[in-house]
Amino acid sequence: MKLLHFLTLISVLLTGLLSAQIKFIAKVDKKAIGIDQHLRVEFSINAEENASTFTPPEFENFKVVGGPMRAMSTTIINGVKNLETVYSYIINPKALGTFSIGAAQITIEEKNYKTVPITINVSEAVNSTSVPSAPHENIYLIAEVSKEKIRLKDSLIVSYKVYVSPDVGIMDWKLIAKPSYSNCTSNTIEIKKLKVENVIYNAKEFRASTWQQTVLKPKKKGTIIINPVNMEIQFKYLSGTYDIFRKPIYDTKTIQLTSDEVNIPVL
């Protein structure tokens, strides 16, 4: 009886130690945003897990504009191997107020883990609202691929481009979510100088700039997934007013754009 009791105690202690080692955490890049802004939400767990066991929250009062994006990383520190899996989303609010991003859930060895809900305060628009038309009608962030399908031994190039209408000028941009991929290796092509070309997109004239190109090679048959990229862009546009010399006055605005997810079949 003593031996059975001892073994049971050891089993309970080991189970408790394993549970203590699992950390499932939700985080956001900011907890107070304007209704015209995007929010990045990440759910990270210190283990490499099957995506089928992950259940995101409902995202009530928010619209998902990017994701889910899944990234895995492995680090070795002092001989200790550390795994991390991150599920991320880009969302934007539907209304003003204080809202909660609910708990995400994941199952590991038949045990469920949940994140802690996060409260988000949504205020009035932060940026100027005097743009004569919606920003997405003037600026696009696009991932173009050289092939719509690929064989296992071949490669393709994905070109990330910004399309702007002639009456809009880009002042600055920065990446919020870097390009990421699945089922392939990637090698970035150096672009020493940005070039601008005139193109027709959605039956309208645009100026296009390619800011990054990457060569992708598949690892196995299935699908290459090119995850969405999130970028913050500051631009100037015609305000519709003039100075005393009748020259047009430009206003500035900062927006966030997200490219579409692209899936490439690997034959």
C-alpha atoms as a PDB file:
ATOM      1  CA  MET A   1       0.000   0.000   0.000  1.00  0.00           C
ATOM      2  CA  LYS A   2       2.826   2.389   0.790  1.00  0.00           C
ATOM      3  CA  LEU A   3       4.439   1.692  -2.593  1.00  0.00           C
ATOM      4  CA  LEU A   4       1.142   2.286  -4.419  1.00  0.00           C
ATOM      5  CA  HIS A   5       0.619   5.515  -2.497  1.00  0.00           C
ATOM      6  CA  PHE A   6       4.171   6.632  -3.340  1.00  0.00           C
ATOM      7  CA  LEU A   7       3.733   5.895  -7.057  1.00  0.00           C
ATOM      8  CA  THR A   8       0.413   7.743  -7.113  1.00  0.00           C
ATOM      9  CA  LEU A   9       2.026  10.755  -5.435  1.00  0.00           C
ATOM     10  CA  ILE A  10       4.867  10.758  -7.986  1.00  0.00           C
ATOM     11  CA  SER A  11       2.344  10.590 -10.859  1.00  0.00           C
ATOM     12  CA  VAL A  12       0.391  13.554  -9.458  1.00  0.00           C
ATOM     13  CA  LEU A  13       3.574  15.595  -9.004  1.00  0.00           C
ATOM     14  CA  LEU A  14       4.749  14.886 -12.558  1.00  0.00           C
ATOM     15  CA  THR A  15       1.348  15.783 -13.986  1.00  0.00           C
ATOM     16  CA  GLY A  16       1.358  19.031 -12.040  1.00  0.00           C
ATOM     17  CA  LEU A  17       4.886  19.814 -13.219  1.00  0.00           C
ATOM     18  CA  LEU A  18       3.910  19.211 -16.878  1.00  0.00           C
ATOM     19  CA  SER A  19       0.859  21.460 -16.520  1.00  0.00           C
ATOM     20  CA  ALA A  20       2.977  24.173 -14.914  1.00  0.00           C
ATOM     21  CA  GLN A  21       5.354  24.087 -17.840  1.00  0.00           C
ATOM     22  CA  ILE A  22       2.621  24.828 -20.408  1.00  0.00           C
ATOM     23  CA  LYS A  23       2.045  28.556 -20.920  1.00  0.00           C
ATOM     24  CA  PHE A  24      -0.763  29.711 -23.235  1.00  0.00           C
ATOM     25  CA  ILE A  25      -0.803  33.509 -23.448  1.00  0.00           C
ATOM     26  CA  ALA A  26      -2.799  36.126 -25.378  1.00  0.00           C
ATOM     27  CA  LYS A  27      -1.356  39.562 -26.119  1.00  0.00           C
ATOM     28  CA  VAL A  28      -2.171  42.615 -28.241  1.00  0.00           C
ATOM     29  CA  ASP A  29       0.008  45.414 -29.597  1.00  0.00           C
ATOM     30  CA  LYS A  30      -2.212  48.029 -27.897  1.00  0.00           C
ATOM     31  CA  LYS A  31      -5.277  48.069 -25.637  1.00  0.00           C
ATOM     32  CA  ALA A  32      -6.690  51.453 -26.716  1.00  0.00           C
ATOM     33  CA  ILE A  33      -7.356  52.126 -30.415  1.00  0.00           C
ATOM     34  CA  GLY A  34      -9.424  54.361 -32.666  1.00  0.00           C
ATOM     35  CA  ILE A  35     -12.299  52.874 -34.615  1.00  0.00           C
ATOM     36  CA  ASP A  36     -10.312  53.464 -37.818  1.00  0.00           C
ATOM     37  CA  GLN A  37      -7.312  51.413 -36.618  1.00  0.00           C
ATOM     38  CA  HIS A  38      -6.299  47.746 -36.793  1.00  0.00           C
ATOM     39  CA  LEU A  39      -5.231  45.587 -33.864  1.00  0.00           C
ATOM     40  CA  ARG A  40      -2.845  42.618 -33.870  1.00  0.00           C
ATOM     41  CA  VAL A  41      -3.737  39.740 -31.529  1.00  0.00           C
ATOM     42  CA  GLU A  42      -1.329  36.887 -30.797  1.00  0.00           C
ATOM     43  CA  PHE A  43      -1.965  33.630 -28.959  1.00  0.00           C
ATOM     44  CA  SER A  44       1.335  31.937 -28.067  1.00  0.00           C
ATOM     45  CA  ILE A  45       2.049  28.573 -26.474  1.00  0.00           C
ATOM     46  CA  ASN A  46       5.444  27.203 -25.498  1.00  0.00           C
ATOM     47  CA  ALA A  47       4.960  23.999 -27.475  1.00  0.00           C
ATOM     48  CA  GLU A  48       4.705  22.856 -31.092  1.00  0.00           C
ATOM     49  CA  GLU A  49       1.051  21.933 -31.481  1.00  0.00           C
ATOM     50  CA  ASN A  50      -1.310  20.703 -34.184  1.00  0.00           C
ATOM     51  CA  ALA A  51      -3.373  23.626 -35.477  1.00  0.00           C
ATOM     52  CA  SER A  52      -6.520  21.461 -35.348  1.00  0.00           C
ATOM     53  CA  THR A  53      -6.472  21.617 -31.539  1.00  0.00           C
ATOM     54  CA  PHE A  54      -6.512  25.442 -31.483  1.00  0.00           C
ATOM     55  CA  THR A  55      -9.849  27.256 -31.153  1.00  0.00           C
ATOM     56  CA  PRO A  56      -9.825  31.078 -31.469  1.00  0.00           C
ATOM     57  CA  PRO A  57     -12.306  33.354 -29.681  1.00  0.00           C
ATOM     58  CA  GLU A  58     -15.450  34.562 -31.459  1.00  0.00           C
ATOM     59  CA  PHE A  59     -14.010  38.105 -31.867  1.00  0.00           C
ATOM     60  CA  GLU A  60     -17.408  39.665 -31.146  1.00  0.00           C
ATOM     61  CA  ASN A  61     -17.525  43.400 -31.984  1.00  0.00           C
ATOM     62  CA  PHE A  62     -14.430  42.971 -34.176  1.00  0.00           C
ATOM     63  CA  LYS A  63     -13.890  42.066 -37.826  1.00  0.00           C
ATOM     64  CA  VAL A  64     -11.036  39.731 -38.758  1.00  0.00           C
ATOM     65  CA  VAL A  65      -9.121  41.280 -41.685  1.00  0.00           C
ATOM     66  CA  GLY A  66      -6.021  39.073 -41.510  1.00  0.00           C
ATOM     67  CA  GLY A  67      -5.305  35.572 -40.274  1.00  0.00           C
ATOM     68  CA  PRO A  68      -5.171  33.147 -38.805  1.00  0.00           C
ATOM     69  CA  MET A  69      -1.380  33.129 -39.264  1.00  0.00           C
ATOM     70  CA  ARG A  70       0.560  30.309 -37.595  1.00  0.00           C
ATOM     71  CA  ALA A  71       4.277  30.558 -36.887  1.00  0.00           C
ATOM     72  CA  MET A  72       6.546  28.095 -35.095  1.00  0.00           C
ATOM     73  CA  SER A  73      10.014  28.724 -33.710  1.00  0.00           C
ATOM     74  CA  THR A  74      12.670  26.698 -31.915  1.00  0.00           C
ATOM     75  CA  THR A  75      15.458  28.125 -29.761  1.00  0.00           C
ATOM     76  CA  ILE A  76      18.229  26.314 -27.890  1.00  0.00           C
ATOM     77  CA  ILE A  77      19.601  28.058 -24.798  1.00  0.00           C
ATOM     78  CA  ASN A  78      22.320  26.350 -22.738  1.00  0.00           C
ATOM     79  CA  GLY A  79      21.431  23.066 -24.397  1.00  0.00           C
ATOM     80  CA  VAL A  80      17.732  23.400 -23.534  1.00  0.00           C
ATOM     81  CA  LYS A  81      15.335  23.259 -26.482  1.00  0.00           C
ATOM     82  CA  ASN A  82      12.416  25.716 -26.365  1.00  0.00           C
ATOM     83  CA  LEU A  83       9.452  25.505 -28.740  1.00  0.00           C
ATOM     84  CA  GLU A  84       6.852  28.199 -29.403  1.00  0.00           C
ATOM     85  CA  THR A  85       3.767  28.272 -31.601  1.00  0.00           C
ATOM     86  CA  VAL A  86       2.035  31.595 -32.276  1.00  0.00           C
ATOM     87  CA  TYR A  87      -1.419  32.082 -33.817  1.00  0.00           C
ATOM     88  CA  SER A  88      -2.006  35.701 -34.860  1.00  0.00           C
ATOM     89  CA  TYR A  89      -4.880  37.757 -36.244  1.00  0.00           C
ATOM     90  CA  ILE A  90      -5.368  41.300 -37.526  1.00  0.00           C
ATOM     91  CA  ILE A  91      -8.744  42.704 -36.428  1.00  0.00           C
ATOM     92  CA  ASN A  92     -10.503  46.050 -36.454  1.00  0.00           C
ATOM     93  CA  PRO A  93     -13.416  47.230 -34.286  1.00  0.00           C
ATOM     94  CA  LYS A  94     -17.006  47.476 -35.498  1.00  0.00           C
ATOM     95  CA  ALA A  95     -18.192  50.120 -33.011  1.00  0.00           C
ATOM     96  CA  LEU A  96     -17.143  52.530 -30.268  1.00  0.00           C
ATOM     97  CA  GLY A  97     -16.966  51.303 -26.690  1.00  0.00           C
ATOM     98  CA  THR A  98     -15.173  48.875 -24.393  1.00  0.00           C
ATOM     99  CA  PHE A  99     -15.058  45.288 -25.614  1.00  0.00           C
ATOM    100  CA  SER A 100     -13.451  42.026 -24.617  1.00  0.00           C
ATOM    101  CA  ILE A 101     -11.453  39.655 -26.788  1.00  0.00           C
ATOM    102  CA  GLY A 102     -12.523  36.300 -25.420  1.00  0.00           C
ATOM    103  CA  ALA A 103     -10.387  33.343 -24.447  1.00  0.00           C
ATOM    104  CA  ALA A 104      -8.737  31.127 -27.038  1.00  0.00           C
ATOM    105  CA  GLN A 105      -8.471  27.408 -26.299  1.00  0.00           C
ATOM    106  CA  ILE A 106      -6.007  24.676 -27.157  1.00  0.00           C
ATOM    107  CA  THR A 107      -5.908  20.987 -26.288  1.00  0.00           C
ATOM    108  CA  ILE A 108      -2.692  19.213 -25.317  1.00  0.00           C
ATOM    109  CA  GLU A 109      -2.720  15.545 -24.327  1.00  0.00           C
ATOM    110  CA  GLU A 110      -6.485  15.681 -23.785  1.00  0.00           C
ATOM    111  CA  LYS A 111      -6.178  18.675 -21.450  1.00  0.00           C
ATOM    112  CA  ASN A 112      -7.671  22.075 -22.380  1.00  0.00           C
ATOM    113  CA  TYR A 113      -5.822  25.348 -21.873  1.00  0.00           C
ATOM    114  CA  LYS A 114      -7.388  28.812 -22.181  1.00  0.00           C
ATOM    115  CA  THR A 115      -5.996  32.336 -22.458  1.00  0.00           C
ATOM    116  CA  VAL A 116      -7.145  35.232 -20.306  1.00  0.00           C
ATOM    117  CA  PRO A 117      -9.653  37.603 -22.034  1.00  0.00           C
ATOM    118  CA  ILE A 118      -8.294  41.050 -22.961  1.00  0.00           C
ATOM    119  CA  THR A 119     -10.242  44.320 -22.679  1.00  0.00           C
ATOM    120  CA  ILE A 120      -9.951  46.789 -25.574  1.00  0.00           C
ATOM    121  CA  ASN A 121     -11.085  50.431 -25.480  1.00  0.00           C
ATOM    122  CA  VAL A 122     -12.288  51.763 -28.853  1.00  0.00           C
ATOM    123  CA  SER A 123     -12.483  55.552 -29.264  1.00  0.00           C
ATOM    124  CA  GLU A 124     -13.315  57.965 -32.068  1.00  0.00           C
ATOM    125  CA  ALA A 125     -11.240  57.858 -35.264  1.00  0.00           C
ATOM    126  CA  VAL A 126      -7.610  58.761 -34.593  1.00  0.00           C
ATOM    127  CA  ASN A 127      -6.707  59.840 -38.123  1.00  0.00           C
ATOM    128  CA  SER A 128      -8.217  62.450 -40.422  1.00  0.00           C
ATOM    129  CA  THR A 129     -11.566  61.463 -41.940  1.00  0.00           C
ATOM    130  CA  SER A 130     -11.573  64.075 -44.711  1.00  0.00           C
ATOM    131  CA  VAL A 131     -10.257  61.729 -47.404  1.00  0.00           C
ATOM    132  CA  PRO A 132     -12.602  62.229 -50.386  1.00  0.00           C
ATOM    133  CA  SER A 133     -12.900  58.454 -50.885  1.00  0.00           C
ATOM    134  CA  ALA A 134     -12.133  55.358 -48.817  1.00  0.00           C
ATOM    135  CA  PRO A 135      -8.361  54.726 -48.379  1.00  0.00           C
ATOM    136  CA  HIS A 136      -8.634  51.251 -49.875  1.00  0.00           C
ATOM    137  CA  GLU A 137      -9.886  52.813 -53.098  1.00  0.00           C
ATOM    138  CA  ASN A 138      -6.624  54.756 -53.373  1.00  0.00           C
ATOM    139  CA  ILE A 139      -3.994  52.401 -51.920  1.00  0.00           C
ATOM    140  CA  TYR A 140      -3.572  48.625 -52.098  1.00  0.00           C
ATOM    141  CA  LEU A 141      -1.044  46.209 -50.594  1.00  0.00           C
ATOM    142  CA  ILE A 142      -0.722  43.182 -52.874  1.00  0.00           C
ATOM    143  CA  ALA A 143       1.274  39.952 -52.954  1.00  0.00           C
ATOM    144  CA  GLU A 144       1.734  38.936 -56.603  1.00  0.00           C
ATOM    145  CA  VAL A 145       3.033  35.480 -57.531  1.00  0.00           C
ATOM    146  CA  SER A 146       4.883  34.461 -60.676  1.00  0.00           C
ATOM    147  CA  LYS A 147       3.002  31.132 -60.837  1.00  0.00           C
ATOM    148  CA  GLU A 148      -0.485  30.118 -59.720  1.00  0.00           C
ATOM    149  CA  LYS A 149       0.603  26.499 -59.231  1.00  0.00           C
ATOM    150  CA  ILE A 150       4.001  24.857 -58.967  1.00  0.00           C
ATOM    151  CA  ARG A 151       5.717  21.497 -59.251  1.00  0.00           C
ATOM    152  CA  LEU A 152       7.735  20.094 -56.366  1.00  0.00           C
ATOM    153  CA  LYS A 153      11.131  20.721 -58.013  1.00  0.00           C
ATOM    154  CA  ASP A 154      10.275  24.238 -59.237  1.00  0.00           C
ATOM    155  CA  SER A 155      10.273  27.637 -57.535  1.00  0.00           C
ATOM    156  CA  LEU A 156       8.223  30.817 -57.727  1.00  0.00           C
ATOM    157  CA  ILE A 157       8.664  34.491 -56.896  1.00  0.00           C
ATOM    158  CA  VAL A 158       6.284  36.444 -54.687  1.00  0.00           C
ATOM    159  CA  SER A 159       6.451  40.221 -55.225  1.00  0.00           C
ATOM    160  CA  TYR A 160       5.034  42.532 -52.572  1.00  0.00           C
ATOM    161  CA  LYS A 161       3.717  45.720 -54.160  1.00  0.00           C
ATOM    162  CA  VAL A 162       2.022  48.931 -53.089  1.00  0.00           C
ATOM    163  CA  TYR A 163      -0.479  50.372 -55.591  1.00  0.00           C
ATOM    164  CA  VAL A 164      -1.407  54.053 -55.246  1.00  0.00           C
ATOM    165  CA  SER A 165      -3.675  56.222 -57.393  1.00  0.00           C
ATOM    166  CA  PRO A 166      -2.104  59.247 -59.186  1.00  0.00           C
ATOM    167  CA  ASP A 167      -3.548  61.734 -56.674  1.00  0.00           C
ATOM    168  CA  VAL A 168      -1.937  60.035 -53.667  1.00  0.00           C
ATOM    169  CA  GLY A 169       1.697  60.313 -52.558  1.00  0.00           C
ATOM    170  CA  ILE A 170       3.388  57.850 -50.198  1.00  0.00           C
ATOM    171  CA  MET A 171       5.380  59.600 -47.470  1.00  0.00           C
ATOM    172  CA  ASP A 172       6.458  56.701 -45.266  1.00  0.00           C
ATOM    173  CA  TRP A 173       5.704  53.046 -44.521  1.00  0.00           C
ATOM    174  CA  LYS A 174       6.696  50.353 -42.062  1.00  0.00           C
ATOM    175  CA  LEU A 175       5.973  46.651 -41.725  1.00  0.00           C
ATOM    176  CA  ILE A 176       3.821  45.545 -38.801  1.00  0.00           C
ATOM    177  CA  ALA A 177       3.651  41.863 -39.721  1.00  0.00           C
ATOM    178  CA  LYS A 178       6.569  40.514 -41.738  1.00  0.00           C
ATOM    179  CA  PRO A 179       6.054  38.067 -44.615  1.00  0.00           C
ATOM    180  CA  SER A 180       5.769  34.430 -43.524  1.00  0.00           C
ATOM    181  CA  TYR A 181       5.145  31.197 -45.369  1.00  0.00           C
ATOM    182  CA  SER A 182       4.404  27.504 -44.846  1.00  0.00           C
ATOM    183  CA  ASN A 183       5.563  24.365 -46.663  1.00  0.00           C
ATOM    184  CA  CYS A 184       8.464  26.113 -48.382  1.00  0.00           C
ATOM    185  CA  THR A 185      11.888  27.642 -48.014  1.00  0.00           C
ATOM    186  CA  SER A 186      12.291  31.360 -48.705  1.00  0.00           C
ATOM    187  CA  ASN A 187      15.133  33.510 -50.005  1.00  0.00           C
ATOM    188  CA  THR A 188      14.687  37.281 -50.221  1.00  0.00           C
ATOM    189  CA  ILE A 189      15.890  39.092 -53.349  1.00  0.00           C
ATOM    190  CA  GLU A 190      17.698  42.347 -52.593  1.00  0.00           C
ATOM    191  CA  ILE A 191      16.031  45.415 -54.117  1.00  0.00           C
ATOM    192  CA  LYS A 192      18.605  48.206 -54.209  1.00  0.00           C
ATOM    193  CA  LYS A 193      16.328  50.893 -55.625  1.00  0.00           C
ATOM    194  CA  LEU A 194      12.556  51.194 -55.700  1.00  0.00           C
ATOM    195  CA  LYS A 195      11.084  51.643 -59.150  1.00  0.00           C
ATOM    196  CA  VAL A 196       7.676  53.069 -59.980  1.00  0.00           C
ATOM    197  CA  GLU A 197       5.632  51.736 -62.889  1.00  0.00           C
ATOM    198  CA  ASN A 198       2.250  52.748 -64.258  1.00  0.00           C
ATOM    199  CA  VAL A 199      -0.325  49.948 -64.198  1.00  0.00           C
ATOM    200  CA  ILE A 200      -4.056  49.380 -64.648  1.00  0.00           C
ATOM    201  CA  TYR A 201      -5.763  47.805 -61.638  1.00  0.00           C
ATOM    202  CA  ASN A 202      -9.517  47.365 -61.216  1.00  0.00           C
ATOM    203  CA  ALA A 203      -9.942  49.314 -64.468  1.00  0.00           C
ATOM    204  CA  LYS A 204      -8.178  52.357 -62.933  1.00  0.00           C
ATOM    205  CA  GLU A 205      -4.721  53.892 -63.316  1.00  0.00           C
ATOM    206  CA  PHE A 206      -2.256  53.272 -60.493  1.00  0.00           C
ATOM    207  CA  ARG A 207       1.438  53.662 -59.760  1.00  0.00           C
ATOM    208  CA  ALA A 208       3.029  50.484 -58.420  1.00  0.00           C
ATOM    209  CA  SER A 209       6.235  49.979 -56.409  1.00  0.00           C
ATOM    210  CA  THR A 210       7.753  46.603 -55.562  1.00  0.00           C
ATOM    211  CA  TRP A 211       9.293  46.794 -52.099  1.00  0.00           C
ATOM    212  CA  GLN A 212      10.213  43.124 -51.630  1.00  0.00           C
ATOM    213  CA  GLN A 213      10.630  39.966 -53.704  1.00  0.00           C
ATOM    214  CA  THR A 214      11.128  36.469 -52.320  1.00  0.00           C
ATOM    215  CA  VAL A 215      11.924  33.150 -53.993  1.00  0.00           C
ATOM    216  CA  LEU A 216       9.868  30.261 -52.591  1.00  0.00           C
ATOM    217  CA  LYS A 217      10.725  26.573 -53.047  1.00  0.00           C
ATOM    218  CA  PRO A 218       8.235  23.906 -51.876  1.00  0.00           C
ATOM    219  CA  LYS A 219       9.253  21.303 -49.299  1.00  0.00           C
ATOM    220  CA  LYS A 220       6.607  18.731 -50.211  1.00  0.00           C
ATOM    221  CA  LYS A 221       3.426  18.300 -52.216  1.00  0.00           C
ATOM    222  CA  GLY A 222       0.345  20.073 -50.910  1.00  0.00           C
ATOM    223  CA  THR A 223      -0.019  23.830 -50.633  1.00  0.00           C
ATOM    224  CA  ILE A 224       2.324  26.776 -50.139  1.00  0.00           C
ATOM    225  CA  ILE A 225       0.582  29.347 -47.958  1.00  0.00           C
ATOM    226  CA  ILE A 226       1.704  32.965 -48.302  1.00  0.00           C
ATOM    227  CA  ASN A 227       0.378  34.584 -45.134  1.00  0.00           C
ATOM    228  CA  PRO A 228      -1.015  38.136 -45.102  1.00  0.00           C
ATOM    229  CA  VAL A 229       1.374  41.036 -44.547  1.00  0.00           C
ATOM    230  CA  ASN A 230       0.357  44.033 -42.471  1.00  0.00           C
ATOM    231  CA  MET A 231       1.835  47.468 -43.249  1.00  0.00           C
ATOM    232  CA  GLU A 232       1.327  50.976 -41.860  1.00  0.00           C
ATOM    233  CA  ILE A 233       1.411  53.640 -44.581  1.00  0.00           C
ATOM    234  CA  GLN A 234       1.520  57.423 -44.264  1.00  0.00           C
ATOM    235  CA  PHE A 235       0.397  59.269 -47.375  1.00  0.00           C
ATOM    236  CA  LYS A 236      -0.689  62.673 -48.609  1.00  0.00           C
ATOM    237  CA  TYR A 237      -3.760  63.406 -50.703  1.00  0.00           C
ATOM    238  CA  LEU A 238      -5.574  66.356 -52.243  1.00  0.00           C
ATOM    239  CA  SER A 239      -7.751  68.004 -49.593  1.00  0.00           C
ATOM    240  CA  GLY A 240      -9.982  69.822 -52.101  1.00  0.00           C
ATOM    241  CA  THR A 241      -8.861  73.249 -50.810  1.00  0.00           C
ATOM    242  CA  TYR A 242      -6.351  75.811 -52.142  1.00  0.00           C
ATOM    243  CA  ASP A 243      -3.931  78.367 -50.715  1.00  0.00           C
ATOM    244  CA  ILE A 244      -3.976  82.085 -51.510  1.00  0.00           C
ATOM    245  CA  PHE A 245      -1.994  81.393 -54.684  1.00  0.00           C
ATOM    246  CA  ARG A 246      -4.612  78.825 -55.812  1.00  0.00           C
ATOM    247  CA  LYS A 247      -2.224  75.946 -55.360  1.00  0.00           C
ATOM    248  CA  PRO A 248      -3.850  72.695 -54.118  1.00  0.00           C
ATOM    249  CA  ILE A 249      -3.378  71.876 -50.441  1.00  0.00           C
ATOM    250  CA  TYR A 250      -2.497  68.328 -49.390  1.00  0.00           C
ATOM    251  CA  ASP A 251      -3.519  66.629 -46.151  1.00  0.00           C
ATOM    252  CA  THR A 252      -1.833  63.581 -44.616  1.00  0.00           C
ATOM    253  CA  LYS A 253      -3.257  60.359 -43.242  1.00  0.00           C
ATOM    254  CA  THR A 254      -1.896  57.126 -41.758  1.00  0.00           C
ATOM    255  CA  ILE A 255      -3.650  53.830 -42.387  1.00  0.00           C
ATOM    256  CA  GLN A 256      -2.933  50.124 -41.994  1.00  0.00           C
ATOM    257  CA  LEU A 257      -3.283  47.740 -44.928  1.00  0.00           C
ATOM    258  CA  THR A 258      -3.294  43.942 -45.028  1.00  0.00           C
ATOM    259  CA  SER A 259      -2.550  41.826 -48.087  1.00  0.00           C
ATOM    260  CA  ASP A 260      -4.660  38.778 -48.924  1.00  0.00           C
ATOM    261  CA  GLU A 261      -3.559  35.243 -48.094  1.00  0.00           C
ATOM    262  CA  VAL A 262      -2.312  33.430 -51.217  1.00  0.00           C
ATOM    263  CA  ASN A 263      -2.432  29.637 -51.603  1.00  0.00           C
ATOM    264  CA  ILE A 264      -0.263  27.934 -54.236  1.00  0.00           C
ATOM    265  CA  PRO A 265      -0.928  24.246 -55.053  1.00  0.00           C
ATOM    266  CA  VAL A 266       2.218  22.094 -55.153  1.00  0.00           C
ATOM    267  CA  LEU A 267       1.795  19.282 -57.692  1.00  0.00           C
END
